[in-house]
Amino acid sequence: MAVEVVYRSSRDLERLFMDKAEADRHDKMLELAELLADVLQKAVPSLTEQQVEEVGIYMAKNRDVFAKAFKSQPDALSELLTAPAQVVESVKEAIPVEEAIAEPVAPTKPAKAAKTPK
């Protein structure tokens, strides 16, 4: 029997990752999404809790594009307009543990190259 190491997100206990860095990135994204949702709820009180959660997650997942737009490059947002619509999954609707183990999440960043000895 093979042993696999899996990592669990501390903010999304149902989701497992095969890579610690990926789990850390997911946690940071969820933390940003939560803060964005709080700010949006305060700014627009008429939004429902689910709406602010979905918008917060969407913005957090696309933070690089929004960062470019906020740094005097508003055309960066056209990247989101031309991309296929993303369905924002609620934290409560995350992948079940069994599926996460069966289908590991591939890391989004390439691994760093090993240092060569001098």
N, C-alpha and C. Protein backbone atom coordinates (compact mmCIF):
# COMPACT_ATOMS: atom_id res chain seq x y z
N MET A 1 0.85 -1.17 0.00
CA MET A 1 0.00 0.00 0.00
C MET A 1 0.89 1.24 0.00
N ALA A 2 0.62 2.16 -0.91
CA ALA A 2 1.39 3.39 -1.01
C ALA A 2 0.83 4.44 -0.05
N VAL A 3 1.72 5.26 0.43
CA VAL A 3 1.32 6.35 1.32
C VAL A 3 1.43 7.65 0.56
N GLU A 4 0.37 8.45 0.61
CA GLU A 4 0.38 9.75 -0.03
C GLU A 4 0.23 10.83 1.02
N VAL A 5 1.00 11.89 0.86
CA VAL A 5 0.88 13.04 1.75
C VAL A 5 -0.09 14.01 1.09
N VAL A 6 -1.11 14.42 1.82
CA VAL A 6 -2.05 15.41 1.32
C VAL A 6 -2.10 16.56 2.32
N TYR A 7 -2.43 17.73 1.81
CA TYR A 7 -2.50 18.93 2.64
C TYR A 7 -3.93 19.43 2.62
N ARG A 8 -4.39 19.87 3.77
CA ARG A 8 -5.75 20.37 3.92
C ARG A 8 -5.66 21.88 4.13
N SER A 9 -6.52 22.59 3.47
CA SER A 9 -6.63 24.03 3.64
C SER A 9 -7.22 24.29 5.03
N SER A 10 -6.64 25.23 5.76
CA SER A 10 -7.15 25.52 7.10
C SER A 10 -8.46 26.31 7.05
N ARG A 11 -8.78 26.94 5.93
CA ARG A 11 -10.02 27.70 5.80
C ARG A 11 -11.10 26.92 5.05
N ASP A 12 -10.72 25.84 4.40
CA ASP A 12 -11.64 25.04 3.61
C ASP A 12 -11.33 23.58 3.90
N LEU A 13 -11.86 23.07 4.99
CA LEU A 13 -11.48 21.76 5.51
C LEU A 13 -11.88 20.60 4.61
N GLU A 14 -12.80 20.80 3.70
CA GLU A 14 -13.24 19.74 2.80
C GLU A 14 -12.30 19.53 1.62
N ARG A 15 -11.44 20.49 1.36
CA ARG A 15 -10.59 20.43 0.17
C ARG A 15 -9.18 20.00 0.54
N LEU A 16 -8.65 19.05 -0.22
CA LEU A 16 -7.30 18.55 0.00
C LEU A 16 -6.42 18.88 -1.19
N PHE A 17 -5.12 19.03 -0.92
CA PHE A 17 -4.16 19.36 -1.96
C PHE A 17 -2.99 18.40 -1.88
N MET A 18 -2.37 18.16 -3.00
CA MET A 18 -1.21 17.29 -3.05
C MET A 18 0.08 18.08 -2.81
N ASP A 19 -0.03 19.41 -2.78
CA ASP A 19 1.14 20.28 -2.66
C ASP A 19 0.88 21.32 -1.57
N LYS A 20 1.83 21.47 -0.64
CA LYS A 20 1.65 22.41 0.47
C LYS A 20 1.54 23.85 -0.04
N ALA A 21 2.33 24.19 -1.02
CA ALA A 21 2.30 25.55 -1.55
C ALA A 21 0.93 25.87 -2.14
N GLU A 22 0.34 24.89 -2.82
CA GLU A 22 -0.99 25.11 -3.40
C GLU A 22 -2.04 25.31 -2.30
N ALA A 23 -1.93 24.54 -1.23
CA ALA A 23 -2.86 24.70 -0.10
C ALA A 23 -2.69 26.08 0.53
N ASP A 24 -1.44 26.53 0.65
CA ASP A 24 -1.19 27.87 1.21
C ASP A 24 -1.76 28.96 0.31
N ARG A 25 -1.59 28.81 -1.01
CA ARG A 25 -2.15 29.80 -1.95
C ARG A 25 -3.67 29.84 -1.86
N HIS A 26 -4.28 28.67 -1.72
CA HIS A 26 -5.75 28.59 -1.60
C HIS A 26 -6.20 29.30 -0.32
N ASP A 27 -5.49 29.06 0.78
CA ASP A 27 -5.82 29.73 2.05
C ASP A 27 -5.72 31.25 1.92
N LYS A 28 -4.65 31.72 1.30
CA LYS A 28 -4.47 33.17 1.13
C LYS A 28 -5.56 33.76 0.24
N MET A 29 -5.93 33.02 -0.81
CA MET A 29 -7.00 33.48 -1.70
C MET A 29 -8.32 33.59 -0.93
N LEU A 30 -8.61 32.58 -0.09
CA LEU A 30 -9.85 32.61 0.69
C LEU A 30 -9.83 33.73 1.73
N GLU A 31 -8.67 33.99 2.30
CA GLU A 31 -8.55 35.09 3.27
C GLU A 31 -8.83 36.43 2.58
N LEU A 32 -8.24 36.62 1.40
CA LEU A 32 -8.48 37.85 0.64
C LEU A 32 -9.95 37.95 0.25
N ALA A 33 -10.54 36.85 -0.18
CA ALA A 33 -11.95 36.83 -0.58
C ALA A 33 -12.85 37.23 0.59
N GLU A 34 -12.52 36.74 1.78
CA GLU A 34 -13.32 37.07 2.96
C GLU A 34 -13.23 38.57 3.28
N LEU A 35 -12.04 39.13 3.19
CA LEU A 35 -11.88 40.56 3.46
C LEU A 35 -12.59 41.40 2.39
N LEU A 36 -12.47 40.99 1.14
CA LEU A 36 -13.18 41.69 0.06
C LEU A 36 -14.68 41.63 0.27
N ALA A 37 -15.18 40.48 0.68
CA ALA A 37 -16.63 40.33 0.92
C ALA A 37 -17.08 41.27 2.04
N ASP A 38 -16.27 41.39 3.09
CA ASP A 38 -16.62 42.29 4.19
C ASP A 38 -16.68 43.74 3.71
N VAL A 39 -15.70 44.13 2.91
CA VAL A 39 -15.67 45.51 2.39
C VAL A 39 -16.86 45.75 1.46
N LEU A 40 -17.14 44.79 0.58
CA LEU A 40 -18.26 44.94 -0.35
C LEU A 40 -19.59 45.00 0.39
N GLN A 41 -19.74 44.20 1.43
CA GLN A 41 -20.98 44.21 2.21
C GLN A 41 -21.19 45.57 2.88
N LYS A 42 -20.09 46.14 3.35
CA LYS A 42 -20.19 47.46 4.00
C LYS A 42 -20.49 48.55 2.95
N ALA A 43 -19.89 48.42 1.77
CA ALA A 43 -20.08 49.43 0.73
C ALA A 43 -21.45 49.34 0.08
N VAL A 44 -21.96 48.11 -0.09
CA VAL A 44 -23.26 47.91 -0.74
C VAL A 44 -24.09 46.97 0.13
N PRO A 45 -24.74 47.52 1.16
CA PRO A 45 -25.49 46.68 2.10
C PRO A 45 -26.64 45.89 1.48
N SER A 46 -27.09 46.29 0.30
CA SER A 46 -28.22 45.58 -0.32
C SER A 46 -27.81 44.24 -0.93
N LEU A 47 -26.52 43.98 -1.06
CA LEU A 47 -26.07 42.70 -1.59
C LEU A 47 -26.31 41.60 -0.56
N THR A 48 -26.68 40.43 -1.05
CA THR A 48 -26.88 39.30 -0.14
C THR A 48 -25.52 38.74 0.27
N GLU A 49 -25.54 37.93 1.32
CA GLU A 49 -24.30 37.32 1.81
C GLU A 49 -23.66 36.45 0.72
N GLN A 50 -24.48 35.71 -0.01
CA GLN A 50 -23.96 34.85 -1.07
C GLN A 50 -23.35 35.67 -2.20
N GLN A 51 -23.98 36.78 -2.54
CA GLN A 51 -23.45 37.63 -3.61
C GLN A 51 -22.09 38.20 -3.25
N VAL A 52 -21.96 38.72 -2.02
CA VAL A 52 -20.66 39.29 -1.65
C VAL A 52 -19.60 38.20 -1.54
N GLU A 53 -19.99 37.00 -1.12
CA GLU A 53 -19.04 35.89 -1.06
C GLU A 53 -18.55 35.52 -2.46
N GLU A 54 -19.48 35.40 -3.41
CA GLU A 54 -19.12 35.05 -4.78
C GLU A 54 -18.25 36.12 -5.43
N VAL A 55 -18.60 37.39 -5.23
CA VAL A 55 -17.81 38.48 -5.80
C VAL A 55 -16.43 38.52 -5.16
N GLY A 56 -16.37 38.33 -3.86
CA GLY A 56 -15.09 38.32 -3.16
C GLY A 56 -14.18 37.21 -3.67
N ILE A 57 -14.72 36.01 -3.86
CA ILE A 57 -13.93 34.88 -4.37
C ILE A 57 -13.49 35.16 -5.81
N TYR A 58 -14.40 35.69 -6.62
CA TYR A 58 -14.06 36.01 -8.02
C TYR A 58 -12.91 37.02 -8.08
N MET A 59 -13.02 38.07 -7.29
CA MET A 59 -11.98 39.09 -7.29
C MET A 59 -10.66 38.54 -6.75
N ALA A 60 -10.72 37.72 -5.73
CA ALA A 60 -9.51 37.14 -5.15
C ALA A 60 -8.83 36.20 -6.15
N LYS A 61 -9.63 35.40 -6.87
CA LYS A 61 -9.05 34.49 -7.86
C LYS A 61 -8.41 35.26 -9.02
N ASN A 62 -8.92 36.44 -9.32
CA ASN A 62 -8.41 37.26 -10.42
C ASN A 62 -7.67 38.49 -9.92
N ARG A 63 -7.06 38.37 -8.77
CA ARG A 63 -6.44 39.53 -8.14
C ARG A 63 -5.35 40.16 -8.98
N ASP A 64 -4.61 39.37 -9.76
CA ASP A 64 -3.55 39.93 -10.59
C ASP A 64 -4.12 40.87 -11.65
N VAL A 65 -5.24 40.48 -12.24
CA VAL A 65 -5.88 41.32 -13.27
C VAL A 65 -6.41 42.60 -12.63
N PHE A 66 -7.06 42.47 -11.47
CA PHE A 66 -7.58 43.66 -10.79
C PHE A 66 -6.43 44.57 -10.34
N ALA A 67 -5.33 43.99 -9.91
CA ALA A 67 -4.17 44.79 -9.48
C ALA A 67 -3.64 45.62 -10.65
N LYS A 68 -3.53 45.00 -11.83
CA LYS A 68 -3.09 45.75 -13.02
C LYS A 68 -4.06 46.89 -13.32
N ALA A 69 -5.35 46.60 -13.24
CA ALA A 69 -6.37 47.62 -13.55
C ALA A 69 -6.28 48.78 -12.57
N PHE A 70 -6.05 48.48 -11.31
CA PHE A 70 -5.96 49.54 -10.31
C PHE A 70 -4.66 50.33 -10.42
N LYS A 71 -3.68 49.78 -11.11
CA LYS A 71 -2.40 50.47 -11.30
C LYS A 71 -2.34 51.13 -12.68
N SER A 72 -3.37 51.87 -13.01
CA SER A 72 -3.44 52.67 -14.24
C SER A 72 -3.43 51.84 -15.52
N GLN A 73 -3.91 50.59 -15.46
CA GLN A 73 -4.05 49.78 -16.67
C GLN A 73 -5.46 49.21 -16.74
N PRO A 74 -6.48 50.08 -16.87
CA PRO A 74 -7.86 49.58 -16.87
C PRO A 74 -8.16 48.60 -18.00
N ASP A 75 -7.35 48.62 -19.06
CA ASP A 75 -7.56 47.69 -20.16
C ASP A 75 -7.33 46.24 -19.74
N ALA A 76 -6.66 46.03 -18.63
CA ALA A 76 -6.41 44.68 -18.14
C ALA A 76 -7.72 43.95 -17.85
N LEU A 77 -8.75 44.69 -17.51
CA LEU A 77 -10.05 44.07 -17.21
C LEU A 77 -10.68 43.43 -18.44
N SER A 78 -10.28 43.87 -19.64
CA SER A 78 -10.82 43.26 -20.86
C SER A 78 -10.44 41.78 -20.93
N GLU A 79 -9.37 41.41 -20.25
CA GLU A 79 -8.96 40.01 -20.18
C GLU A 79 -10.06 39.16 -19.53
N LEU A 80 -10.73 39.72 -18.52
CA LEU A 80 -11.81 39.01 -17.85
C LEU A 80 -13.09 39.00 -18.69
N LEU A 81 -13.27 40.03 -19.49
CA LEU A 81 -14.47 40.10 -20.33
C LEU A 81 -14.42 39.10 -21.47
N THR A 82 -13.22 38.83 -21.99
CA THR A 82 -13.09 37.91 -23.11
C THR A 82 -12.93 36.46 -22.67
N ALA A 83 -12.57 36.25 -21.40
CA ALA A 83 -12.42 34.88 -20.89
C ALA A 83 -13.79 34.25 -20.68
N PRO A 84 -13.88 32.93 -20.79
CA PRO A 84 -15.17 32.28 -20.51
C PRO A 84 -15.59 32.54 -19.07
N ALA A 85 -16.88 32.66 -18.87
CA ALA A 85 -17.40 32.96 -17.53
C ALA A 85 -17.01 31.86 -16.56
N GLN A 86 -16.51 32.27 -15.41
CA GLN A 86 -16.14 31.31 -14.37
C GLN A 86 -17.29 31.15 -13.40
N VAL A 87 -17.57 29.94 -13.06
CA VAL A 87 -18.57 29.70 -12.04
C VAL A 87 -17.85 29.70 -10.71
N VAL A 88 -18.24 30.61 -9.85
CA VAL A 88 -17.60 30.71 -8.55
C VAL A 88 -18.20 29.64 -7.66
N GLU A 89 -17.32 28.78 -7.14
CA GLU A 89 -17.82 27.76 -6.23
C GLU A 89 -17.72 28.28 -4.82
N SER A 90 -18.75 28.11 -4.12
CA SER A 90 -18.79 28.52 -2.72
C SER A 90 -17.85 27.63 -1.93
N VAL A 91 -17.31 28.16 -0.85
CA VAL A 91 -16.44 27.36 0.00
C VAL A 91 -17.19 26.15 0.52
N LYS A 92 -18.48 26.30 0.76
CA LYS A 92 -19.29 25.20 1.27
C LYS A 92 -19.52 24.13 0.21
N GLU A 93 -19.32 24.47 -1.07
CA GLU A 93 -19.54 23.53 -2.14
C GLU A 93 -18.23 23.02 -2.71
N ALA A 94 -17.21 22.93 -1.90
CA ALA A 94 -15.89 22.50 -2.35
C ALA A 94 -15.90 21.02 -2.71
N ILE A 95 -14.82 20.61 -3.33
CA ILE A 95 -14.70 19.22 -3.75
C ILE A 95 -14.67 18.32 -2.52
N PRO A 96 -15.47 17.26 -2.52
CA PRO A 96 -15.44 16.33 -1.40
C PRO A 96 -14.06 15.68 -1.26
N VAL A 97 -13.75 15.26 -0.06
CA VAL A 97 -12.44 14.70 0.24
C VAL A 97 -12.11 13.53 -0.69
N GLU A 98 -13.07 12.65 -0.96
CA GLU A 98 -12.84 11.49 -1.81
C GLU A 98 -12.41 11.91 -3.21
N GLU A 99 -13.05 12.93 -3.76
CA GLU A 99 -12.70 13.40 -5.10
C GLU A 99 -11.35 14.07 -5.11
N ALA A 100 -11.02 14.80 -4.05
CA ALA A 100 -9.74 15.50 -3.99
C ALA A 100 -8.59 14.50 -3.98
N ILE A 101 -8.78 13.37 -3.31
CA ILE A 101 -7.73 12.37 -3.28
C ILE A 101 -7.63 11.67 -4.62
N ALA A 102 -8.77 11.38 -5.26
CA ALA A 102 -8.78 10.68 -6.54
C ALA A 102 -8.24 11.55 -7.66
N GLU A 103 -8.50 12.85 -7.61
CA GLU A 103 -8.07 13.75 -8.66
C GLU A 103 -7.22 14.86 -8.05
N PRO A 104 -5.89 14.66 -7.94
CA PRO A 104 -5.05 15.66 -7.30
C PRO A 104 -5.05 16.97 -8.09
N VAL A 105 -4.93 18.06 -7.38
CA VAL A 105 -4.88 19.38 -7.99
C VAL A 105 -3.45 19.65 -8.42
N ALA A 106 -3.28 20.00 -9.68
CA ALA A 106 -1.95 20.28 -10.20
C ALA A 106 -1.50 21.66 -9.73
N PRO A 107 -0.24 21.82 -9.34
CA PRO A 107 0.24 23.13 -8.92
C PRO A 107 0.20 24.11 -10.08
N THR A 108 -0.08 25.37 -9.78
CA THR A 108 -0.17 26.37 -10.84
C THR A 108 1.18 26.98 -11.17
N LYS A 109 2.11 26.95 -10.24
CA LYS A 109 3.45 27.49 -10.49
C LYS A 109 4.42 26.34 -10.74
N PRO A 110 5.35 26.53 -11.69
CA PRO A 110 6.34 25.48 -11.90
C PRO A 110 7.28 25.39 -10.71
N ALA A 111 7.80 24.22 -10.48
CA ALA A 111 8.72 24.01 -9.37
C ALA A 111 10.02 24.73 -9.65
N LYS A 112 10.68 25.18 -8.57
CA LYS A 112 11.98 25.85 -8.73
C LYS A 112 13.03 24.82 -9.09
N ALA A 113 13.96 25.25 -9.92
CA ALA A 113 15.03 24.36 -10.32
C ALA A 113 15.99 24.14 -9.15
N ALA A 114 16.54 22.96 -9.08
CA ALA A 114 17.48 22.66 -8.01
C ALA A 114 18.77 23.42 -8.23
N LYS A 115 19.40 23.84 -7.13
CA LYS A 115 20.67 24.57 -7.24
C LYS A 115 21.78 23.59 -7.57
N THR A 116 22.66 24.01 -8.46
CA THR A 116 23.78 23.16 -8.81
C THR A 116 24.92 23.41 -7.85
N PRO A 117 25.63 22.35 -7.46
CA PRO A 117 26.73 22.53 -6.50
C PRO A 117 27.86 23.31 -7.16
N LYS A 118 28.59 24.08 -6.35
CA LYS A 118 29.70 24.91 -6.86
C LYS A 118 30.97 24.12 -6.97
